[in-house]
Amino acid sequence: MNQKSKYQSVSQSFNQSVRQSVRNYRVPSSVEKDAALNSLFSRIESLPAGSITPFVFPGWAKRVAGIAAVLVSVISLWLVFSSRQVHNAGEEVISLRLPDQSRMVLAAGGSVSYGRFLLHRKVNLKGKGYFEVDKGNRFRVITPSGSVEVLGTRFMVDGEKSAMQVVCYQGKVKAVFRDSKTELSAGKGIRISENDVKVMPEEKNSYPAFARFRTDYRNASLENVTGDLGKFFGVEIDNRSQEKRFFSGSMDTGSLETALEILTGSLQMRYEIQNENKIIIY
């Protein structure tokens, strides 16, 4: 008989003795309740408990538990510290939706890396990128030559090895290059290098050229147009219309809502933004 079976047998025998004592015990009419209860407890305590050997896990079970704990730790560390890398080797821009739902447009030739969960709310950028960060969310972009810190804004960063260009389109940003820090408000831009700091002319455009959706359509199906918009702006567009519709026209905007206004207005439709990731048109 193994240790576990022996333990169960002794425990069952002891419990059976207790139940039998309680079942056969009768309280004399001349004895008060408190005295009778104390007498019953005394009888139970006097019962032989037997030799009870505690169950001990075998050695192999401990080893398996240890290995499982190590695996869980390794997987947890991988999930926390692993990063995603994107390199744009093509000629078209790549639109990304970061883990915190911030939007990024990566220009041709650029690359970006960031944590899978963006726990520290920072990305590493080489080349040119445009960012849209929700208000109230701190965000940091690190380039080979400096960094940009923001708190809810729209901005563009072009980071090179020895220079950095930053343009703010909405809100405020702080450009950090070596020991110098420069704050920029909407419409302001700066180019920083090892030799000098150059203030750029007032930015009158609402979006950088590479972050604008610029496409001409001629009798294109609604599905094709919404597919292009969804890919560029990083959203899902659900077409609830049962009719086959076609669109002809031009779009040149960095705003998803402006693009939707152009599309649905020309087709006499409506749209509804359910959340940052899903749009319904009907």
Protein backbone atom coordinates (compact mmCIF):
# COMPACT_ATOMS: atom_id res chain seq x y z
CA MET A 1 0.00 0.00 0.00
CA ASN A 2 1.45 3.41 -0.96
CA GLN A 3 1.66 6.40 1.39
CA LYS A 4 -1.40 8.16 0.00
CA SER A 5 -3.64 5.04 0.31
CA LYS A 6 -2.37 4.39 3.84
CA TYR A 7 -3.18 7.96 4.84
CA GLN A 8 -6.69 7.71 3.43
CA SER A 9 -7.32 4.35 5.22
CA VAL A 10 -6.24 5.65 8.65
CA SER A 11 -8.21 8.87 8.19
CA GLN A 12 -11.38 6.97 7.25
CA SER A 13 -11.02 4.65 10.28
CA PHE A 14 -10.62 7.59 12.64
CA ASN A 15 -13.63 9.44 11.22
CA GLN A 16 -15.73 6.27 11.48
CA SER A 17 -14.85 5.92 15.17
CA VAL A 18 -15.88 9.52 15.82
CA ARG A 19 -19.20 9.11 14.02
CA GLN A 20 -19.92 5.89 15.94
CA SER A 21 -19.19 7.54 19.30
CA VAL A 22 -21.44 10.48 18.51
CA ARG A 23 -24.21 8.20 17.21
CA ASN A 24 -24.23 5.94 20.31
CA TYR A 25 -23.85 8.69 22.85
CA ARG A 26 -26.95 9.53 24.92
CA VAL A 27 -27.31 12.49 27.22
CA PRO A 28 -28.66 11.48 30.65
CA SER A 29 -31.70 13.46 31.66
CA SER A 30 -30.06 14.47 34.90
CA VAL A 31 -27.03 16.07 33.20
CA GLU A 32 -27.05 19.61 31.92
CA LYS A 33 -26.30 20.36 28.25
CA ASP A 34 -22.88 22.03 28.80
CA ALA A 35 -21.63 19.16 30.92
CA ALA A 36 -22.88 16.63 28.37
CA LEU A 37 -21.12 18.45 25.52
CA ASN A 38 -17.82 18.51 27.41
CA SER A 39 -18.17 14.81 28.13
CA LEU A 40 -18.69 14.08 24.42
CA PHE A 41 -15.57 16.05 23.44
CA SER A 42 -13.55 14.13 26.04
CA ARG A 43 -14.63 10.80 24.54
CA ILE A 44 -13.68 11.93 21.05
CA GLU A 45 -10.23 13.10 22.19
CA SER A 46 -9.61 9.76 23.91
CA LEU A 47 -10.10 7.82 20.65
CA PRO A 48 -6.86 6.41 19.14
CA ALA A 49 -5.84 8.54 16.19
CA GLY A 50 -3.52 5.94 14.77
CA SER A 51 -0.26 6.57 13.06
CA ILE A 52 -0.93 9.10 10.29
CA THR A 53 1.85 9.60 7.76
CA PRO A 54 1.49 12.82 5.76
CA PHE A 55 1.46 12.51 1.98
CA VAL A 56 4.72 13.55 0.37
CA PHE A 57 4.94 14.49 -3.30
CA PRO A 58 7.39 12.27 -5.19
CA GLY A 59 10.62 13.80 -6.43
CA TRP A 60 9.60 13.74 -10.09
CA ALA A 61 6.51 15.86 -9.31
CA LYS A 62 8.68 18.54 -7.71
CA ARG A 63 10.98 18.57 -10.72
CA VAL A 64 8.03 18.94 -13.12
CA ALA A 65 6.61 21.80 -11.03
CA GLY A 66 9.99 23.54 -11.07
CA ILE A 67 10.32 23.24 -14.84
CA ALA A 68 6.77 24.55 -15.30
CA ALA A 69 7.53 27.57 -13.11
CA VAL A 70 10.65 28.36 -15.15
CA LEU A 71 8.70 28.09 -18.42
CA VAL A 72 5.99 30.43 -17.13
CA SER A 73 8.64 32.97 -16.10
CA VAL A 74 10.42 32.80 -19.47
CA ILE A 75 7.17 33.21 -21.41
CA SER A 76 6.11 36.14 -19.20
CA LEU A 77 9.44 37.91 -19.73
CA TRP A 78 9.23 37.33 -23.48
CA LEU A 79 5.74 38.84 -23.63
CA VAL A 80 6.83 41.89 -21.64
CA PHE A 81 10.18 42.65 -23.26
CA SER A 82 9.86 41.31 -26.81
CA SER A 83 9.53 43.89 -29.56
CA ARG A 84 8.07 44.20 -33.01
CA GLN A 85 10.13 45.61 -35.87
CA VAL A 86 8.77 47.07 -39.11
CA HIS A 87 10.94 48.10 -42.05
CA ASN A 88 9.43 49.84 -45.04
CA ALA A 89 11.47 48.64 -48.00
CA GLY A 90 8.84 49.63 -50.56
CA GLU A 91 7.95 52.92 -52.20
CA GLU A 92 4.55 53.31 -50.51
CA VAL A 93 3.96 54.36 -46.92
CA ILE A 94 2.97 51.86 -44.23
CA SER A 95 0.20 52.75 -41.79
CA LEU A 96 0.41 51.18 -38.32
CA ARG A 97 -1.86 51.05 -35.31
CA LEU A 98 0.39 50.77 -32.25
CA PRO A 99 -0.59 48.67 -29.18
CA ASP A 100 -1.85 51.77 -27.34
CA GLN A 101 -4.02 52.63 -30.40
CA SER A 102 -1.78 55.52 -31.44
CA ARG A 103 -1.49 55.77 -35.22
CA MET A 104 1.74 55.96 -37.17
CA VAL A 105 2.59 56.41 -40.85
CA LEU A 106 6.05 55.12 -41.76
CA ALA A 107 7.61 56.69 -44.85
CA ALA A 108 9.49 54.68 -47.48
CA GLY A 109 12.92 53.56 -46.34
CA GLY A 110 12.10 54.01 -42.65
CA SER A 111 12.04 51.46 -39.85
CA VAL A 112 10.45 51.38 -36.42
CA SER A 113 10.56 49.05 -33.43
CA TYR A 114 8.44 49.00 -30.28
CA GLY A 115 7.40 46.69 -27.45
CA ARG A 116 4.52 44.35 -28.19
CA PHE A 117 2.54 45.93 -25.37
CA LEU A 118 4.20 49.38 -25.50
CA LEU A 119 4.54 49.32 -21.70
CA HIS A 120 6.97 52.25 -21.64
CA ARG A 121 5.14 54.14 -24.40
CA LYS A 122 8.16 54.68 -26.59
CA VAL A 123 9.21 53.68 -30.10
CA ASN A 124 12.58 53.62 -31.85
CA LEU A 125 12.52 55.27 -35.27
CA LYS A 126 15.00 55.43 -38.12
CA GLY A 127 13.87 57.59 -41.01
CA LYS A 128 10.64 59.54 -41.31
CA GLY A 129 7.43 58.88 -39.41
CA TYR A 130 4.16 60.68 -38.67
CA PHE A 131 2.37 60.07 -35.35
CA GLU A 132 -1.11 60.69 -33.94
CA VAL A 133 -1.20 60.25 -30.16
CA ASP A 134 -4.37 60.57 -28.08
CA LYS A 135 -4.57 63.52 -25.70
CA GLY A 136 -3.41 62.74 -22.19
CA ASN A 137 -1.10 59.94 -23.28
CA ARG A 138 2.63 60.46 -22.83
CA PHE A 139 4.63 59.19 -25.76
CA ARG A 140 8.29 59.17 -26.74
CA VAL A 141 10.01 58.69 -30.10
CA ILE A 142 13.72 57.87 -30.03
CA THR A 143 15.90 58.43 -33.11
CA PRO A 144 19.64 57.84 -33.67
CA SER A 145 20.28 61.54 -33.06
CA GLY A 146 17.72 62.57 -30.43
CA SER A 147 14.19 62.08 -29.14
CA VAL A 148 10.75 63.68 -29.14
CA GLU A 149 8.43 63.71 -26.12
CA VAL A 150 4.73 64.44 -26.46
CA LEU A 151 1.49 64.50 -24.51
CA GLY A 152 -1.34 64.01 -27.00
CA THR A 153 -0.53 65.52 -30.36
CA ARG A 154 0.12 65.07 -34.07
CA PHE A 155 3.69 65.44 -35.26
CA MET A 156 6.34 64.32 -37.75
CA VAL A 157 9.86 63.16 -36.98
CA ASP A 158 12.69 62.64 -39.45
CA GLY A 159 15.61 61.12 -37.58
CA GLU A 160 19.06 60.74 -39.08
CA LYS A 161 22.38 59.81 -37.50
CA SER A 162 23.62 63.36 -37.07
CA ALA A 163 20.47 65.46 -37.39
CA MET A 164 16.78 65.46 -36.55
CA GLN A 165 13.81 67.31 -38.01
CA VAL A 166 10.57 67.73 -36.06
CA VAL A 167 7.30 69.39 -37.09
CA CYS A 168 4.31 69.76 -34.77
CA TYR A 169 0.87 69.78 -36.39
CA GLN A 170 -1.29 69.75 -33.26
CA GLY A 171 -0.67 70.13 -29.53
CA LYS A 172 2.91 70.50 -28.30
CA VAL A 173 6.10 68.47 -28.56
CA LYS A 174 9.54 68.68 -26.98
CA ALA A 175 12.55 67.91 -29.18
CA VAL A 176 15.62 66.66 -27.30
CA PHE A 177 19.00 66.68 -29.06
CA ARG A 178 22.12 66.06 -26.97
CA ASP A 179 21.91 68.67 -24.19
CA SER A 180 19.41 70.99 -25.90
CA LYS A 181 15.62 70.89 -25.49
CA THR A 182 13.19 72.80 -27.68
CA GLU A 183 9.40 72.98 -27.28
CA LEU A 184 7.28 73.32 -30.40
CA SER A 185 3.61 74.26 -30.72
CA ALA A 186 1.28 73.58 -33.65
CA GLY A 187 2.66 74.86 -36.95
CA LYS A 188 6.24 75.08 -35.69
CA GLY A 189 9.18 73.05 -36.94
CA ILE A 190 12.87 72.72 -36.22
CA ARG A 191 15.93 71.02 -37.64
CA ILE A 192 18.68 70.21 -35.17
CA SER A 193 22.20 69.08 -36.01
CA GLU A 194 25.55 68.99 -34.28
CA ASN A 195 26.46 72.36 -35.78
CA ASP A 196 23.30 74.44 -35.39
CA VAL A 197 19.60 74.68 -34.65
CA LYS A 198 17.48 75.91 -37.53
CA VAL A 199 13.89 77.07 -37.11
CA MET A 200 11.80 76.02 -40.09
CA PRO A 201 9.21 78.22 -41.83
CA GLU A 202 5.66 78.21 -40.48
CA GLU A 203 3.96 74.93 -41.40
CA LYS A 204 0.65 75.73 -43.07
CA ASN A 205 -0.35 72.19 -44.02
CA SER A 206 -2.34 70.12 -41.56
CA TYR A 207 -0.46 66.93 -42.45
CA PRO A 208 2.90 66.04 -43.99
CA ALA A 209 2.72 65.06 -47.66
CA PHE A 210 3.61 61.40 -47.08
CA ALA A 211 0.87 61.01 -44.44
CA ARG A 212 -1.94 62.16 -46.72
CA PHE A 213 -4.32 59.77 -48.46
CA ARG A 214 -4.02 60.87 -52.07
CA THR A 215 -5.88 58.75 -54.60
CA ASP A 216 -7.96 59.30 -57.72
CA TYR A 217 -10.89 56.94 -58.34
CA ARG A 218 -12.91 56.40 -61.47
CA ASN A 219 -15.99 54.23 -61.10
CA ALA A 220 -14.35 52.22 -58.31
CA SER A 221 -16.46 49.87 -56.22
CA LEU A 222 -17.31 50.98 -52.70
CA GLU A 223 -15.58 47.89 -51.33
CA ASN A 224 -12.29 48.84 -53.00
CA VAL A 225 -12.42 52.40 -51.70
CA THR A 226 -13.24 51.41 -48.12
CA GLY A 227 -10.52 48.76 -48.28
CA ASP A 228 -7.95 51.40 -49.27
CA LEU A 229 -9.11 53.78 -46.54
CA GLY A 230 -9.11 51.04 -43.91
CA LYS A 231 -5.58 49.99 -44.78
CA PHE A 232 -4.20 53.53 -44.83
CA PHE A 233 -5.84 54.72 -41.60
CA GLY A 234 -5.58 51.41 -39.76
CA VAL A 235 -9.32 50.89 -39.19
CA GLU A 236 -12.06 48.44 -40.11
CA ILE A 237 -14.84 49.90 -42.28
CA ASP A 238 -18.05 47.87 -42.28
CA ASN A 239 -20.34 48.53 -45.25
CA ARG A 240 -23.95 47.88 -44.18
CA SER A 241 -25.43 48.96 -47.51
CA GLN A 242 -27.12 46.23 -49.54
CA GLU A 243 -26.73 48.12 -52.82
CA LYS A 244 -23.80 47.90 -55.20
CA ARG A 245 -22.22 51.37 -55.26
CA PHE A 246 -19.36 52.96 -57.22
CA PHE A 247 -17.28 56.03 -56.48
CA SER A 248 -15.54 58.50 -58.79
CA GLY A 249 -13.50 61.35 -57.38
CA SER A 250 -10.24 62.44 -55.78
CA MET A 251 -9.10 62.40 -52.16
CA ASP A 252 -6.15 64.28 -50.71
CA THR A 253 -6.34 64.37 -46.93
CA GLY A 254 -4.67 63.07 -43.80
CA SER A 255 -7.98 63.01 -41.92
CA LEU A 256 -10.08 59.85 -41.87
CA GLU A 257 -13.24 61.83 -41.15
CA THR A 258 -12.65 64.11 -44.13
CA ALA A 259 -12.17 61.09 -46.39
CA LEU A 260 -15.39 59.54 -45.06
CA GLU A 261 -17.27 62.80 -45.61
CA ILE A 262 -16.13 62.88 -49.25
CA LEU A 263 -17.02 59.24 -49.84
CA THR A 264 -20.39 59.06 -48.09
CA GLY A 265 -21.44 62.55 -49.21
CA SER A 266 -20.98 61.77 -52.88
CA LEU A 267 -22.85 58.46 -52.54
CA GLN A 268 -25.60 59.90 -50.33
CA MET A 269 -24.68 57.61 -47.45
CA ARG A 270 -23.87 58.09 -43.78
CA TYR A 271 -21.12 56.88 -41.50
CA GLU A 272 -20.76 56.23 -37.80
CA ILE A 273 -17.51 55.97 -35.83
CA GLN A 274 -18.03 53.21 -33.27
CA ASN A 275 -14.50 53.38 -31.85
CA GLU A 276 -10.93 54.08 -32.91
CA ASN A 277 -10.81 50.85 -34.87
CA LYS A 278 -14.24 50.44 -36.44
CA ILE A 279 -16.39 52.56 -38.77
CA ILE A 280 -19.87 51.72 -40.08
CA ILE A 281 -21.24 53.18 -43.31
CA TYR A 282 -24.86 52.73 -44.39
